[in-house]
Amino acid sequence: MAIGKNVWCSLPIVAKEKGFFKEEGLDVNFNFQDAGRYCMDALLSDSVDLAAVVEANVAYIGFAGNRKPVVVAEIVSSSCGIISRRSAGINSESDLRGKKIAYTPATGAEPFLYRFLAKHGISNGEVELRKMQPKALQPALVAKEVDAAATWEPFIYNCNKAMGGDAAEFRDPEAFTGFMMLATSRDFAAKKPDSVRAVLRALRKAELYLKDNPKDSHAMLARYLGMEPEAIQRIWPYFTMSLRMNRTDLINAINYVADNARTIDPEFTGKETPDYNSYIDDSFLAGIGK
């Protein structure tokens, strides 16, 4: 299973650490990646059987016409944010106008950034956008190569800590809320449906454990992820850990990413938005009950 070694993937991590996968007769090994787009790449290359991906990954795969992946469940929802330098004169949202802003393309940070700017009346032409990998954002901010960055937790927390009193954070779940989903290949789903359902049952157990044992869960995640316990506590409210499938919200999020790509990226201008319903199969989740 390809996942990120971060709080976004708490359900798979708890399922493994508490032995829920084993209880379901599974031997699950993790393939850690820095972002959902790389988890999707691992799935497409047959390096893994399942992958934790985000809506942006599905949107771009749809444009490519690649029919291999299928989403079987949502595992968390969250919103990204913007971390900026006060020393660059950024103390409010409007101060982002005219600034250099970094983001990681084909991730949830991309639609969040564009919607956030639009909501505050800032056009794309009024900022200088820089594409960067997630781990490059913090060094770029500290070195003052960029003025702000759109990213997700725990990168926001880490940047804030590294920048000290120079950091200003901006959050807005209404601008764009992203989903991390569990995807597999259509071939794996067809050949091993029982394994897919077993994975989902283990994740359901993890979800219940997180709800019933928050203190122990946070301490375990802090150890596993190499994070400070206070970091887990601080960023936890920004996540909703839930194994579910809200097809309408999910399709809306994927469609927004696709529509945004058609607007800002010449590669997709003029292309029709794919039918993303065909990339979602909620029968597996429905088959495991509550």
Protein backbone atom coordinates (compact mmCIF):
# COMPACT_ATOMS: atom_id res chain seq x y z
CA MET A 1 0.00 0.00 0.00
CA ALA A 2 1.44 3.37 -1.02
CA ILE A 3 0.75 6.04 1.59
CA GLY A 4 2.31 9.21 2.91
CA LYS A 5 4.10 9.04 6.22
CA ASN A 6 1.93 11.75 7.70
CA VAL A 7 -1.28 12.37 9.62
CA TRP A 8 -3.34 12.15 6.42
CA CYS A 9 -2.75 8.40 6.50
CA SER A 10 -3.63 7.84 10.15
CA LEU A 11 -6.24 5.17 9.41
CA PRO A 12 -3.84 2.81 7.55
CA ILE A 13 -1.08 3.46 10.11
CA VAL A 14 -3.33 2.70 13.07
CA ALA A 15 -4.71 -0.37 11.29
CA LYS A 16 -1.20 -1.73 10.90
CA GLU A 17 0.14 -0.73 14.32
CA LYS A 18 -2.87 -2.13 16.22
CA GLY A 19 -2.88 -5.36 14.22
CA PHE A 20 -6.24 -4.78 12.50
CA PHE A 21 -4.88 -5.79 9.10
CA LYS A 22 -3.61 -9.06 10.57
CA GLU A 23 -6.98 -9.68 12.22
CA GLU A 24 -8.46 -9.56 8.73
CA GLY A 25 -5.91 -12.07 7.42
CA LEU A 26 -3.79 -9.47 5.62
CA ASP A 27 -0.06 -8.84 5.47
CA VAL A 28 0.14 -5.15 4.54
CA ASN A 29 3.42 -3.44 3.80
CA PHE A 30 3.72 0.31 3.29
CA ASN A 31 5.42 2.04 0.40
CA PHE A 32 5.97 5.59 1.67
CA GLN A 33 5.68 8.51 -0.75
CA ASP A 34 5.88 12.29 -0.30
CA ALA A 35 2.51 13.08 -1.89
CA GLY A 36 -0.61 11.45 -3.30
CA ARG A 37 0.59 11.97 -6.88
CA TYR A 38 3.53 9.64 -6.20
CA CYS A 39 1.24 7.10 -4.53
CA MET A 40 -0.83 7.15 -7.72
CA ASP A 41 2.32 6.66 -9.79
CA ALA A 42 3.18 3.61 -7.67
CA LEU A 43 -0.29 2.17 -8.29
CA LEU A 44 -0.13 2.79 -12.03
CA SER A 45 3.28 1.13 -12.25
CA ASP A 46 2.05 -1.97 -10.38
CA SER A 47 4.50 -1.30 -7.54
CA VAL A 48 1.61 -1.51 -5.06
CA ASP A 49 -1.89 -2.96 -4.87
CA LEU A 50 -3.52 0.01 -3.16
CA ALA A 51 -2.69 3.70 -2.82
CA ALA A 52 -3.76 6.71 -0.80
CA VAL A 53 -4.49 9.42 -3.37
CA VAL A 54 -6.21 12.80 -3.50
CA GLU A 55 -8.84 14.26 -5.80
CA ALA A 56 -6.25 16.09 -7.91
CA ASN A 57 -4.60 12.79 -8.79
CA VAL A 58 -7.88 11.34 -10.02
CA ALA A 59 -8.69 14.49 -11.98
CA TYR A 60 -5.47 14.39 -13.99
CA ILE A 61 -5.64 10.64 -14.54
CA GLY A 62 -9.09 11.20 -16.04
CA PHE A 63 -7.69 13.66 -18.57
CA ALA A 64 -5.05 11.11 -19.51
CA GLY A 65 -7.79 8.58 -20.18
CA ASN A 66 -6.10 6.05 -17.90
CA ARG A 67 -8.82 3.67 -16.71
CA LYS A 68 -6.64 1.60 -14.40
CA PRO A 69 -7.37 3.12 -10.96
CA VAL A 70 -10.65 3.01 -9.09
CA VAL A 71 -11.46 4.69 -5.76
CA VAL A 72 -13.05 2.42 -3.16
CA ALA A 73 -13.31 4.73 -0.12
CA GLU A 74 -12.48 8.10 1.38
CA ILE A 75 -10.17 7.92 4.41
CA VAL A 76 -9.87 11.56 5.46
CA SER A 77 -10.95 15.06 4.49
CA SER A 78 -9.01 18.21 5.22
CA SER A 79 -8.19 21.63 3.89
CA CYS A 80 -4.83 23.05 2.94
CA GLY A 81 -3.59 26.45 4.03
CA ILE A 82 -1.17 29.21 3.21
CA ILE A 83 1.94 29.90 5.28
CA SER A 84 3.63 33.24 4.59
CA ARG A 85 6.39 35.56 5.78
CA ARG A 86 5.39 38.62 7.76
CA SER A 87 8.76 40.11 6.81
CA ALA A 88 7.51 40.12 3.21
CA GLY A 89 4.73 42.44 4.30
CA ILE A 90 2.07 39.74 4.51
CA ASN A 91 -0.23 40.17 7.49
CA SER A 92 -3.61 39.67 5.80
CA GLU A 93 -4.99 37.80 2.81
CA SER A 94 -4.95 40.89 0.59
CA ASP A 95 -1.22 41.29 1.23
CA LEU A 96 -0.60 38.22 -0.94
CA ARG A 97 -1.17 40.37 -4.01
CA GLY A 98 2.10 40.91 -5.86
CA LYS A 99 3.93 38.22 -3.89
CA LYS A 100 5.81 35.04 -4.86
CA ILE A 101 3.71 32.02 -3.83
CA ALA A 102 4.91 28.41 -4.04
CA TYR A 103 2.69 25.34 -4.34
CA THR A 104 2.90 21.71 -5.37
CA PRO A 105 1.01 21.05 -8.63
CA ALA A 106 -1.41 18.14 -9.01
CA THR A 107 -2.07 18.09 -5.25
CA GLY A 108 -4.90 19.48 -3.14
CA ALA A 109 -2.82 22.61 -2.57
CA GLU A 110 -3.34 23.66 -6.19
CA PRO A 111 -7.16 24.03 -6.20
CA PHE A 112 -7.05 25.46 -2.67
CA LEU A 113 -4.62 28.19 -3.72
CA TYR A 114 -6.58 29.25 -6.80
CA ARG A 115 -9.89 29.30 -4.97
CA PHE A 116 -8.39 31.14 -1.99
CA LEU A 117 -6.93 33.83 -4.20
CA ALA A 118 -10.15 34.22 -6.17
CA LYS A 119 -12.19 34.48 -2.98
CA HIS A 120 -10.04 37.42 -1.89
CA GLY A 121 -10.21 39.16 -5.25
CA ILE A 122 -6.64 38.35 -6.31
CA SER A 123 -6.21 37.26 -9.92
CA ASN A 124 -3.59 34.75 -11.03
CA GLY A 125 -1.78 37.52 -12.87
CA GLU A 126 -1.37 39.51 -9.66
CA VAL A 127 0.90 36.93 -8.04
CA GLU A 128 4.03 35.07 -9.08
CA LEU A 129 3.35 31.36 -8.77
CA ARG A 130 6.19 28.88 -8.30
CA LYS A 131 5.85 25.11 -8.56
CA MET A 132 7.80 23.20 -5.91
CA GLN A 133 7.92 19.78 -4.31
CA PRO A 134 6.46 19.61 -0.76
CA LYS A 135 9.80 19.25 1.02
CA ALA A 136 11.26 22.23 -0.87
CA LEU A 137 8.70 24.70 0.47
CA GLN A 138 10.16 25.15 3.95
CA PRO A 139 13.75 25.84 2.79
CA ALA A 140 12.41 28.27 0.17
CA LEU A 141 10.42 30.19 2.78
CA VAL A 142 13.28 30.28 5.29
CA ALA A 143 15.74 31.41 2.61
CA LYS A 144 13.20 34.06 1.49
CA GLU A 145 13.14 32.70 -2.04
CA VAL A 146 9.34 32.86 -1.88
CA ASP A 147 6.98 34.96 0.18
CA ALA A 148 4.32 32.34 0.85
CA ALA A 149 3.42 28.72 0.18
CA ALA A 150 0.17 26.81 -0.21
CA THR A 151 0.52 23.38 1.34
CA TRP A 152 -0.94 20.99 3.90
CA GLU A 153 -0.18 19.63 7.35
CA PRO A 154 2.29 18.83 8.76
CA PHE A 155 4.23 21.03 6.30
CA ILE A 156 2.42 24.14 7.56
CA TYR A 157 3.29 23.32 11.15
CA ASN A 158 6.92 22.60 10.27
CA CYS A 159 7.25 25.82 8.28
CA ASN A 160 5.68 27.81 11.09
CA LYS A 161 8.08 26.36 13.61
CA ALA A 162 11.12 26.97 11.39
CA MET A 163 10.08 30.54 10.69
CA GLY A 164 9.35 31.45 14.27
CA GLY A 165 7.58 34.77 14.71
CA ASP A 166 7.89 35.57 11.02
CA ALA A 167 5.08 33.18 10.05
CA ALA A 168 1.50 34.10 9.22
CA GLU A 169 -1.08 31.37 8.52
CA PHE A 170 -4.26 31.60 6.49
CA ARG A 171 -6.93 28.89 6.61
CA ASP A 172 -10.25 28.58 4.83
CA PRO A 173 -11.97 25.17 4.56
CA GLU A 174 -14.74 26.82 2.54
CA ALA A 175 -12.29 27.70 -0.22
CA PHE A 176 -11.57 24.05 -0.91
CA THR A 177 -11.77 20.89 1.19
CA GLY A 178 -9.79 18.00 -0.17
CA PHE A 179 -10.18 14.26 0.20
CA MET A 180 -7.66 11.50 0.55
CA MET A 181 -9.01 8.27 -0.84
CA LEU A 182 -8.01 4.66 -1.06
CA ALA A 183 -7.62 3.53 -4.65
CA THR A 184 -6.76 0.21 -6.22
CA SER A 185 -6.48 -1.09 -9.75
CA ARG A 186 -9.57 -2.43 -11.49
CA ASP A 187 -7.70 -5.67 -12.06
CA PHE A 188 -6.90 -6.11 -8.35
CA ALA A 189 -10.48 -5.22 -7.38
CA ALA A 190 -11.83 -7.80 -9.82
CA LYS A 191 -9.43 -10.59 -8.85
CA LYS A 192 -9.30 -10.00 -5.09
CA PRO A 193 -12.55 -8.35 -3.97
CA ASP A 194 -12.37 -10.11 -0.60
CA SER A 195 -8.96 -8.55 0.06
CA VAL A 196 -10.30 -5.09 -0.74
CA ARG A 197 -13.18 -5.57 1.68
CA ALA A 198 -10.79 -6.93 4.32
CA VAL A 199 -8.65 -3.79 4.00
CA LEU A 200 -11.73 -1.62 4.46
CA ARG A 201 -12.86 -3.59 7.51
CA ALA A 202 -9.42 -3.05 9.07
CA LEU A 203 -9.63 0.67 8.33
CA ARG A 204 -13.09 0.79 9.91
CA LYS A 205 -11.61 -0.72 13.07
CA ALA A 206 -8.87 1.92 12.96
CA GLU A 207 -11.46 4.68 12.62
CA LEU A 208 -13.32 3.46 15.70
CA TYR A 209 -10.09 3.06 17.65
CA LEU A 210 -9.09 6.65 16.85
CA LYS A 211 -12.44 7.93 18.10
CA ASP A 212 -12.45 5.86 21.28
CA ASN A 213 -8.75 6.23 22.16
CA PRO A 214 -7.60 9.70 21.05
CA LYS A 215 -4.82 10.10 23.62
CA ASP A 216 -3.24 6.72 22.90
CA SER A 217 -3.74 7.17 19.15
CA HIS A 218 -2.02 10.57 19.11
CA ALA A 219 0.93 9.24 21.12
CA MET A 220 1.26 6.23 18.81
CA LEU A 221 1.11 8.39 15.68
CA ALA A 222 3.69 10.79 17.11
CA ARG A 223 6.10 7.89 17.67
CA TYR A 224 5.42 6.32 14.28
CA LEU A 225 5.70 9.56 12.33
CA GLY A 226 8.64 10.93 14.30
CA MET A 227 6.63 13.99 15.28
CA GLU A 228 6.35 15.83 18.56
CA PRO A 229 3.13 14.95 20.44
CA GLU A 230 2.21 18.64 20.60
CA ALA A 231 2.47 18.79 16.81
CA ILE A 232 -0.12 16.03 16.47
CA GLN A 233 -2.38 17.81 18.96
CA ARG A 234 -2.08 21.13 17.14
CA ILE A 235 -2.85 19.90 13.63
CA TRP A 236 -5.44 17.22 14.50
CA PRO A 237 -8.46 19.59 14.38
CA TYR A 238 -7.76 20.25 10.70
CA PHE A 239 -8.53 16.63 9.78
CA THR A 240 -11.72 14.56 9.68
CA MET A 241 -10.72 10.90 9.91
CA SER A 242 -13.61 8.91 8.52
CA LEU A 243 -14.00 5.87 6.30
CA ARG A 244 -16.86 6.85 4.02
CA MET A 245 -17.93 7.60 0.49
CA ASN A 246 -19.81 10.82 -0.22
CA ARG A 247 -19.98 10.52 -3.97
CA THR A 248 -21.49 13.96 -4.54
CA ASP A 249 -18.88 15.88 -2.55
CA LEU A 250 -16.09 13.79 -3.99
CA ILE A 251 -17.17 14.26 -7.59
CA ASN A 252 -17.59 18.00 -7.00
CA ALA A 253 -14.04 18.24 -5.66
CA ILE A 254 -12.57 16.25 -8.55
CA ASN A 255 -14.56 18.25 -11.09
CA TYR A 256 -13.34 21.52 -9.62
CA VAL A 257 -9.73 20.41 -10.03
CA ALA A 258 -10.45 19.40 -13.63
CA ASP A 259 -12.25 22.66 -14.43
CA ASN A 260 -9.43 24.65 -12.86
CA ALA A 261 -6.86 22.77 -14.96
CA ARG A 262 -8.84 23.55 -18.12
CA THR A 263 -8.74 27.24 -17.18
CA ILE A 264 -5.12 27.70 -16.12
CA ASP A 265 -3.16 25.04 -18.01
CA PRO A 266 -2.87 25.31 -21.83
CA GLU A 267 -2.39 21.54 -21.99
CA PHE A 268 -6.00 21.03 -20.94
CA THR A 269 -7.65 24.06 -22.56
CA GLY A 270 -10.53 22.96 -24.74
CA LYS A 271 -10.66 19.44 -23.33
CA GLU A 272 -13.93 18.14 -21.95
CA THR A 273 -14.18 17.30 -18.28
CA PRO A 274 -14.14 13.49 -17.99
CA ASP A 275 -16.93 11.52 -16.35
CA TYR A 276 -15.34 10.81 -12.99
CA ASN A 277 -18.22 8.70 -11.71
CA SER A 278 -16.62 5.78 -13.51
CA TYR A 279 -13.54 6.13 -11.28
CA ILE A 280 -15.53 5.51 -8.10
CA ASP A 281 -16.80 2.17 -6.85
CA ASP A 282 -18.65 2.40 -3.53
CA SER A 283 -19.83 -1.21 -3.58
CA PHE A 284 -16.86 -2.45 -1.54
CA LEU A 285 -17.48 -0.01 1.30
CA ALA A 286 -21.22 -0.73 1.23
CA GLY A 287 -20.38 -4.41 1.48
CA ILE A 288 -18.68 -4.19 4.88
CA GLY A 289 -21.57 -2.54 6.73
CA LYS A 290 -21.31 0.08 9.47
